[in-house]
Amino acid sequence: MICLYGIKNCDTIKKARKWLDEAGIEYRFHDYRVDGLARSQLEAWAAELGWEALLNRRGTTWRAQPDEVKNSIDEAGAIDLMLAQPAMIKRPLLDTGDARHLGFRADDYARLLAN
């Protein structure tokens, strides 16, 4: 089954969930803050998608980090930060079973989930 990962109160998550609901696509929603996330899963996503793509540098949580953290971030540090503060994981992350996709655009979802 398709799984949508994110944080319940995120506006982009709300748009993605609305799109999936209106398209009649069954999915499971996994809230990082409520349901947690295993390091091994985050490491697998980083290997597949790239840790830099996975790290949300646009949010207030990232901007609140000290400059020394932001200027010296590497994969291990990014994974530690994302596990400690799940809001730093770019969202939504759509897991179709075959591949993972970051972000939401209705056209992309329509193409990905056409079958």
N, C-alpha and C. Protein backbone atom coordinates (compact mmCIF):
# COMPACT_ATOMS: atom_id res chain seq x y z
N MET A 1 0.84 -1.18 0.00
CA MET A 1 0.00 0.00 0.00
C MET A 1 0.88 1.24 0.00
N ILE A 2 0.41 2.27 -0.65
CA ILE A 2 1.09 3.55 -0.71
C ILE A 2 1.11 4.15 0.69
N CYS A 3 2.23 4.78 1.03
CA CYS A 3 2.34 5.45 2.32
C CYS A 3 2.80 6.88 2.09
N LEU A 4 2.14 7.80 2.74
CA LEU A 4 2.50 9.21 2.68
C LEU A 4 3.08 9.58 4.04
N TYR A 5 4.32 10.04 4.03
CA TYR A 5 5.02 10.41 5.26
C TYR A 5 5.06 11.92 5.39
N GLY A 6 4.89 12.40 6.62
CA GLY A 6 4.98 13.82 6.86
C GLY A 6 4.52 14.18 8.25
N ILE A 7 4.05 15.43 8.37
CA ILE A 7 3.56 15.97 9.63
C ILE A 7 2.14 16.48 9.37
N LYS A 8 1.23 16.07 10.23
CA LYS A 8 -0.20 16.30 10.02
C LYS A 8 -0.57 17.75 9.73
N ASN A 9 0.06 18.70 10.41
CA ASN A 9 -0.37 20.09 10.27
C ASN A 9 0.35 20.85 9.15
N CYS A 10 1.15 20.18 8.36
CA CYS A 10 1.87 20.80 7.24
C CYS A 10 0.89 21.08 6.09
N ASP A 11 0.92 22.30 5.56
CA ASP A 11 0.00 22.68 4.48
C ASP A 11 0.19 21.81 3.24
N THR A 12 1.44 21.49 2.90
CA THR A 12 1.68 20.67 1.71
C THR A 12 1.17 19.25 1.92
N ILE A 13 1.29 18.74 3.13
CA ILE A 13 0.73 17.42 3.44
C ILE A 13 -0.79 17.46 3.27
N LYS A 14 -1.40 18.52 3.73
CA LYS A 14 -2.86 18.64 3.60
C LYS A 14 -3.26 18.63 2.12
N LYS A 15 -2.51 19.32 1.28
CA LYS A 15 -2.81 19.34 -0.15
C LYS A 15 -2.63 17.95 -0.76
N ALA A 16 -1.55 17.26 -0.40
CA ALA A 16 -1.30 15.92 -0.94
C ALA A 16 -2.38 14.95 -0.48
N ARG A 17 -2.77 15.01 0.78
CA ARG A 17 -3.81 14.11 1.29
C ARG A 17 -5.15 14.39 0.60
N LYS A 18 -5.46 15.66 0.40
CA LYS A 18 -6.70 16.02 -0.28
C LYS A 18 -6.69 15.47 -1.71
N TRP A 19 -5.56 15.62 -2.39
CA TRP A 19 -5.45 15.14 -3.76
C TRP A 19 -5.65 13.62 -3.80
N LEU A 20 -4.97 12.89 -2.92
CA LEU A 20 -5.09 11.43 -2.88
C LEU A 20 -6.53 11.02 -2.56
N ASP A 21 -7.16 11.70 -1.61
CA ASP A 21 -8.55 11.38 -1.25
C ASP A 21 -9.48 11.61 -2.44
N GLU A 22 -9.34 12.76 -3.09
CA GLU A 22 -10.21 13.09 -4.22
C GLU A 22 -9.98 12.17 -5.41
N ALA A 23 -8.76 11.66 -5.55
CA ALA A 23 -8.45 10.74 -6.64
C ALA A 23 -8.88 9.31 -6.30
N GLY A 24 -9.34 9.10 -5.07
CA GLY A 24 -9.77 7.76 -4.67
C GLY A 24 -8.63 6.78 -4.50
N ILE A 25 -7.46 7.28 -4.16
CA ILE A 25 -6.28 6.42 -4.01
C ILE A 25 -6.11 6.07 -2.53
N GLU A 26 -6.07 4.77 -2.26
CA GLU A 26 -5.88 4.32 -0.89
C GLU A 26 -4.43 4.52 -0.50
N TYR A 27 -4.24 4.99 0.71
CA TYR A 27 -2.90 5.21 1.23
C TYR A 27 -2.95 5.19 2.75
N ARG A 28 -1.80 5.04 3.31
CA ARG A 28 -1.66 5.13 4.76
C ARG A 28 -0.86 6.40 5.04
N PHE A 29 -1.24 7.16 6.06
CA PHE A 29 -0.50 8.35 6.44
C PHE A 29 0.35 8.04 7.67
N HIS A 30 1.62 8.37 7.58
CA HIS A 30 2.56 8.14 8.68
C HIS A 30 3.07 9.51 9.15
N ASP A 31 2.68 9.89 10.34
CA ASP A 31 3.11 11.17 10.91
C ASP A 31 4.42 10.94 11.66
N TYR A 32 5.48 11.61 11.20
CA TYR A 32 6.80 11.44 11.84
C TYR A 32 6.74 11.71 13.34
N ARG A 33 6.02 12.74 13.72
CA ARG A 33 6.00 13.13 15.13
C ARG A 33 5.22 12.14 15.99
N VAL A 34 4.16 11.58 15.46
CA VAL A 34 3.31 10.67 16.22
C VAL A 34 3.81 9.23 16.13
N ASP A 35 4.13 8.80 14.91
CA ASP A 35 4.48 7.40 14.66
C ASP A 35 5.98 7.12 14.74
N GLY A 36 6.80 8.17 14.76
CA GLY A 36 8.25 7.99 14.84
C GLY A 36 8.85 7.56 13.52
N LEU A 37 10.15 7.37 13.55
CA LEU A 37 10.88 6.99 12.34
C LEU A 37 12.17 6.30 12.75
N ALA A 38 12.45 5.17 12.16
CA ALA A 38 13.66 4.42 12.48
C ALA A 38 14.86 4.99 11.73
N ARG A 39 16.00 5.00 12.37
CA ARG A 39 17.23 5.47 11.74
C ARG A 39 17.49 4.71 10.44
N SER A 40 17.28 3.41 10.45
CA SER A 40 17.54 2.60 9.25
C SER A 40 16.68 3.05 8.08
N GLN A 41 15.44 3.43 8.35
CA GLN A 41 14.56 3.89 7.29
C GLN A 41 15.04 5.23 6.73
N LEU A 42 15.41 6.14 7.61
CA LEU A 42 15.91 7.44 7.19
C LEU A 42 17.22 7.29 6.41
N GLU A 43 18.07 6.39 6.84
CA GLU A 43 19.33 6.13 6.12
C GLU A 43 19.06 5.55 4.73
N ALA A 44 18.06 4.68 4.62
CA ALA A 44 17.70 4.11 3.31
C ALA A 44 17.17 5.20 2.39
N TRP A 45 16.34 6.10 2.91
CA TRP A 45 15.84 7.21 2.10
C TRP A 45 16.97 8.11 1.65
N ALA A 46 17.90 8.38 2.56
CA ALA A 46 19.05 9.23 2.23
C ALA A 46 19.89 8.58 1.13
N ALA A 47 20.05 7.27 1.18
CA ALA A 47 20.80 6.56 0.15
C ALA A 47 20.08 6.63 -1.20
N GLU A 48 18.76 6.54 -1.18
CA GLU A 48 17.98 6.55 -2.42
C GLU A 48 17.80 7.96 -2.99
N LEU A 49 17.46 8.91 -2.12
CA LEU A 49 17.08 10.24 -2.58
C LEU A 49 18.18 11.28 -2.42
N GLY A 50 19.16 10.97 -1.59
CA GLY A 50 20.21 11.92 -1.26
C GLY A 50 19.85 12.67 0.01
N TRP A 51 20.77 12.71 0.96
CA TRP A 51 20.46 13.35 2.24
C TRP A 51 20.20 14.84 2.08
N GLU A 52 20.85 15.46 1.10
CA GLU A 52 20.64 16.90 0.91
C GLU A 52 19.23 17.20 0.41
N ALA A 53 18.67 16.32 -0.41
CA ALA A 53 17.29 16.50 -0.88
C ALA A 53 16.30 16.25 0.26
N LEU A 54 16.64 15.34 1.15
CA LEU A 54 15.76 14.95 2.26
C LEU A 54 15.72 16.02 3.36
N LEU A 55 16.79 16.77 3.51
CA LEU A 55 16.88 17.78 4.57
C LEU A 55 16.15 19.04 4.14
N ASN A 56 15.15 19.42 4.91
CA ASN A 56 14.35 20.61 4.62
C ASN A 56 15.08 21.85 5.15
N ARG A 57 15.73 22.56 4.24
CA ARG A 57 16.48 23.76 4.64
C ARG A 57 15.63 25.02 4.53
N ARG A 58 14.38 24.88 4.12
CA ARG A 58 13.51 26.05 3.97
C ARG A 58 12.72 26.38 5.23
N GLY A 59 12.60 25.43 6.12
CA GLY A 59 11.75 25.61 7.29
C GLY A 59 12.39 26.37 8.42
N THR A 60 11.55 26.77 9.35
CA THR A 60 12.03 27.53 10.51
C THR A 60 12.92 26.69 11.41
N THR A 61 12.70 25.38 11.44
CA THR A 61 13.52 24.52 12.30
C THR A 61 14.97 24.55 11.83
N TRP A 62 15.20 24.50 10.52
CA TRP A 62 16.55 24.59 9.98
C TRP A 62 17.14 25.98 10.24
N ARG A 63 16.37 27.00 9.97
CA ARG A 63 16.87 28.37 10.14
C ARG A 63 17.24 28.66 11.59
N ALA A 64 16.62 27.96 12.54
CA ALA A 64 16.89 28.16 13.95
C ALA A 64 18.19 27.48 14.40
N GLN A 65 18.76 26.64 13.55
CA GLN A 65 19.99 25.94 13.91
C GLN A 65 21.15 26.93 13.98
N PRO A 66 22.08 26.70 14.89
CA PRO A 66 23.26 27.57 14.96
C PRO A 66 24.06 27.50 13.67
N ASP A 67 24.73 28.60 13.33
CA ASP A 67 25.53 28.64 12.10
C ASP A 67 26.57 27.54 12.04
N GLU A 68 27.16 27.19 13.17
CA GLU A 68 28.18 26.14 13.16
C GLU A 68 27.59 24.80 12.73
N VAL A 69 26.33 24.54 13.08
CA VAL A 69 25.66 23.32 12.63
C VAL A 69 25.38 23.41 11.13
N LYS A 70 24.81 24.52 10.70
CA LYS A 70 24.45 24.69 9.29
C LYS A 70 25.68 24.65 8.38
N ASN A 71 26.77 25.21 8.85
CA ASN A 71 27.97 25.30 8.01
C ASN A 71 28.79 24.02 7.98
N SER A 72 28.55 23.11 8.92
CA SER A 72 29.36 21.89 8.97
C SER A 72 28.52 20.63 8.76
N ILE A 73 27.30 20.79 8.27
CA ILE A 73 26.39 19.63 8.15
C ILE A 73 26.92 18.62 7.14
N ASP A 74 26.83 17.37 7.50
CA ASP A 74 27.16 16.27 6.61
C ASP A 74 26.05 15.23 6.73
N GLU A 75 26.18 14.12 6.04
CA GLU A 75 25.10 13.13 6.04
C GLU A 75 24.77 12.62 7.43
N ALA A 76 25.78 12.24 8.19
CA ALA A 76 25.53 11.71 9.54
C ALA A 76 24.87 12.76 10.42
N GLY A 77 25.35 13.99 10.36
CA GLY A 77 24.76 15.07 11.14
C GLY A 77 23.34 15.37 10.72
N ALA A 78 23.09 15.34 9.41
CA ALA A 78 21.75 15.59 8.90
C ALA A 78 20.78 14.52 9.37
N ILE A 79 21.20 13.28 9.34
CA ILE A 79 20.34 12.18 9.80
C ILE A 79 20.04 12.32 11.28
N ASP A 80 21.06 12.67 12.08
CA ASP A 80 20.84 12.90 13.50
C ASP A 80 19.83 14.02 13.73
N LEU A 81 19.99 15.13 12.99
CA LEU A 81 19.06 16.26 13.13
C LEU A 81 17.64 15.87 12.74
N MET A 82 17.50 15.16 11.62
CA MET A 82 16.16 14.78 11.15
C MET A 82 15.48 13.82 12.11
N LEU A 83 16.25 12.93 12.73
CA LEU A 83 15.66 12.02 13.71
C LEU A 83 15.23 12.78 14.97
N ALA A 84 16.05 13.74 15.39
CA ALA A 84 15.73 14.51 16.58
C ALA A 84 14.60 15.50 16.34
N GLN A 85 14.54 16.04 15.12
CA GLN A 85 13.54 17.05 14.78
C GLN A 85 12.92 16.72 13.42
N PRO A 86 11.91 15.86 13.41
CA PRO A 86 11.33 15.38 12.15
C PRO A 86 10.81 16.48 11.23
N ALA A 87 10.57 17.68 11.75
CA ALA A 87 10.13 18.78 10.88
C ALA A 87 11.22 19.14 9.87
N MET A 88 12.43 18.64 10.09
CA MET A 88 13.53 18.93 9.17
C MET A 88 13.58 17.97 7.99
N ILE A 89 12.65 17.01 7.94
CA ILE A 89 12.57 16.10 6.80
C ILE A 89 11.64 16.74 5.78
N LYS A 90 12.11 16.86 4.54
CA LYS A 90 11.27 17.44 3.50
C LYS A 90 10.02 16.58 3.35
N ARG A 91 8.92 17.26 3.09
CA ARG A 91 7.65 16.55 3.01
C ARG A 91 6.77 17.13 1.91
N PRO A 92 5.84 16.33 1.50
CA PRO A 92 5.65 14.93 1.87
C PRO A 92 6.67 14.02 1.19
N LEU A 93 6.79 12.84 1.75
CA LEU A 93 7.54 11.77 1.12
C LEU A 93 6.52 10.70 0.79
N LEU A 94 6.37 10.43 -0.49
CA LEU A 94 5.41 9.44 -0.97
C LEU A 94 6.16 8.15 -1.28
N ASP A 95 5.76 7.07 -0.63
CA ASP A 95 6.36 5.76 -0.86
C ASP A 95 5.35 4.91 -1.62
N THR A 96 5.64 4.65 -2.89
CA THR A 96 4.73 3.86 -3.72
C THR A 96 4.98 2.37 -3.61
N GLY A 97 6.01 2.00 -2.85
CA GLY A 97 6.40 0.60 -2.75
C GLY A 97 7.59 0.31 -3.65
N ASP A 98 7.59 0.92 -4.84
CA ASP A 98 8.70 0.74 -5.77
C ASP A 98 9.75 1.84 -5.64
N ALA A 99 9.31 3.03 -5.26
CA ALA A 99 10.22 4.17 -5.16
C ALA A 99 9.65 5.21 -4.21
N ARG A 100 10.51 6.12 -3.78
CA ARG A 100 10.12 7.21 -2.91
C ARG A 100 10.21 8.51 -3.70
N HIS A 101 9.30 9.44 -3.42
CA HIS A 101 9.23 10.72 -4.12
C HIS A 101 9.04 11.83 -3.10
N LEU A 102 9.81 12.89 -3.23
CA LEU A 102 9.73 14.03 -2.31
C LEU A 102 8.90 15.15 -2.90
N GLY A 103 8.15 15.83 -2.04
CA GLY A 103 7.39 16.99 -2.45
C GLY A 103 6.04 16.60 -3.03
N PHE A 104 5.24 17.63 -3.30
CA PHE A 104 3.92 17.39 -3.89
C PHE A 104 3.67 18.36 -5.03
N ARG A 105 3.33 17.78 -6.17
CA ARG A 105 2.77 18.50 -7.31
C ARG A 105 1.71 17.58 -7.88
N ALA A 106 0.52 18.11 -8.06
CA ALA A 106 -0.60 17.29 -8.52
C ALA A 106 -0.27 16.57 -9.82
N ASP A 107 0.39 17.24 -10.76
CA ASP A 107 0.74 16.62 -12.04
C ASP A 107 1.68 15.43 -11.83
N ASP A 108 2.64 15.58 -10.92
CA ASP A 108 3.57 14.48 -10.64
C ASP A 108 2.85 13.29 -10.01
N TYR A 109 1.96 13.56 -9.06
CA TYR A 109 1.22 12.48 -8.42
C TYR A 109 0.33 11.77 -9.45
N ALA A 110 -0.30 12.53 -10.33
CA ALA A 110 -1.17 11.93 -11.33
C ALA A 110 -0.37 11.00 -12.24
N ARG A 111 0.84 11.42 -12.61
CA ARG A 111 1.69 10.59 -13.47
C ARG A 111 2.20 9.36 -12.70
N LEU A 112 2.64 9.55 -11.48
CA LEU A 112 3.19 8.46 -10.67
C LEU A 112 2.15 7.39 -10.35
N LEU A 113 0.92 7.84 -10.14
CA LEU A 113 -0.13 6.94 -9.66
C LEU A 113 -1.16 6.63 -10.71
N ALA A 114 -0.80 6.78 -11.98
CA ALA A 114 -1.74 6.60 -13.09
C ALA A 114 -2.30 5.19 -13.19
N ASN A 115 -1.56 4.21 -12.76
CA ASN A 115 -2.05 2.85 -12.86
C ASN A 115 -2.87 2.55 -11.65
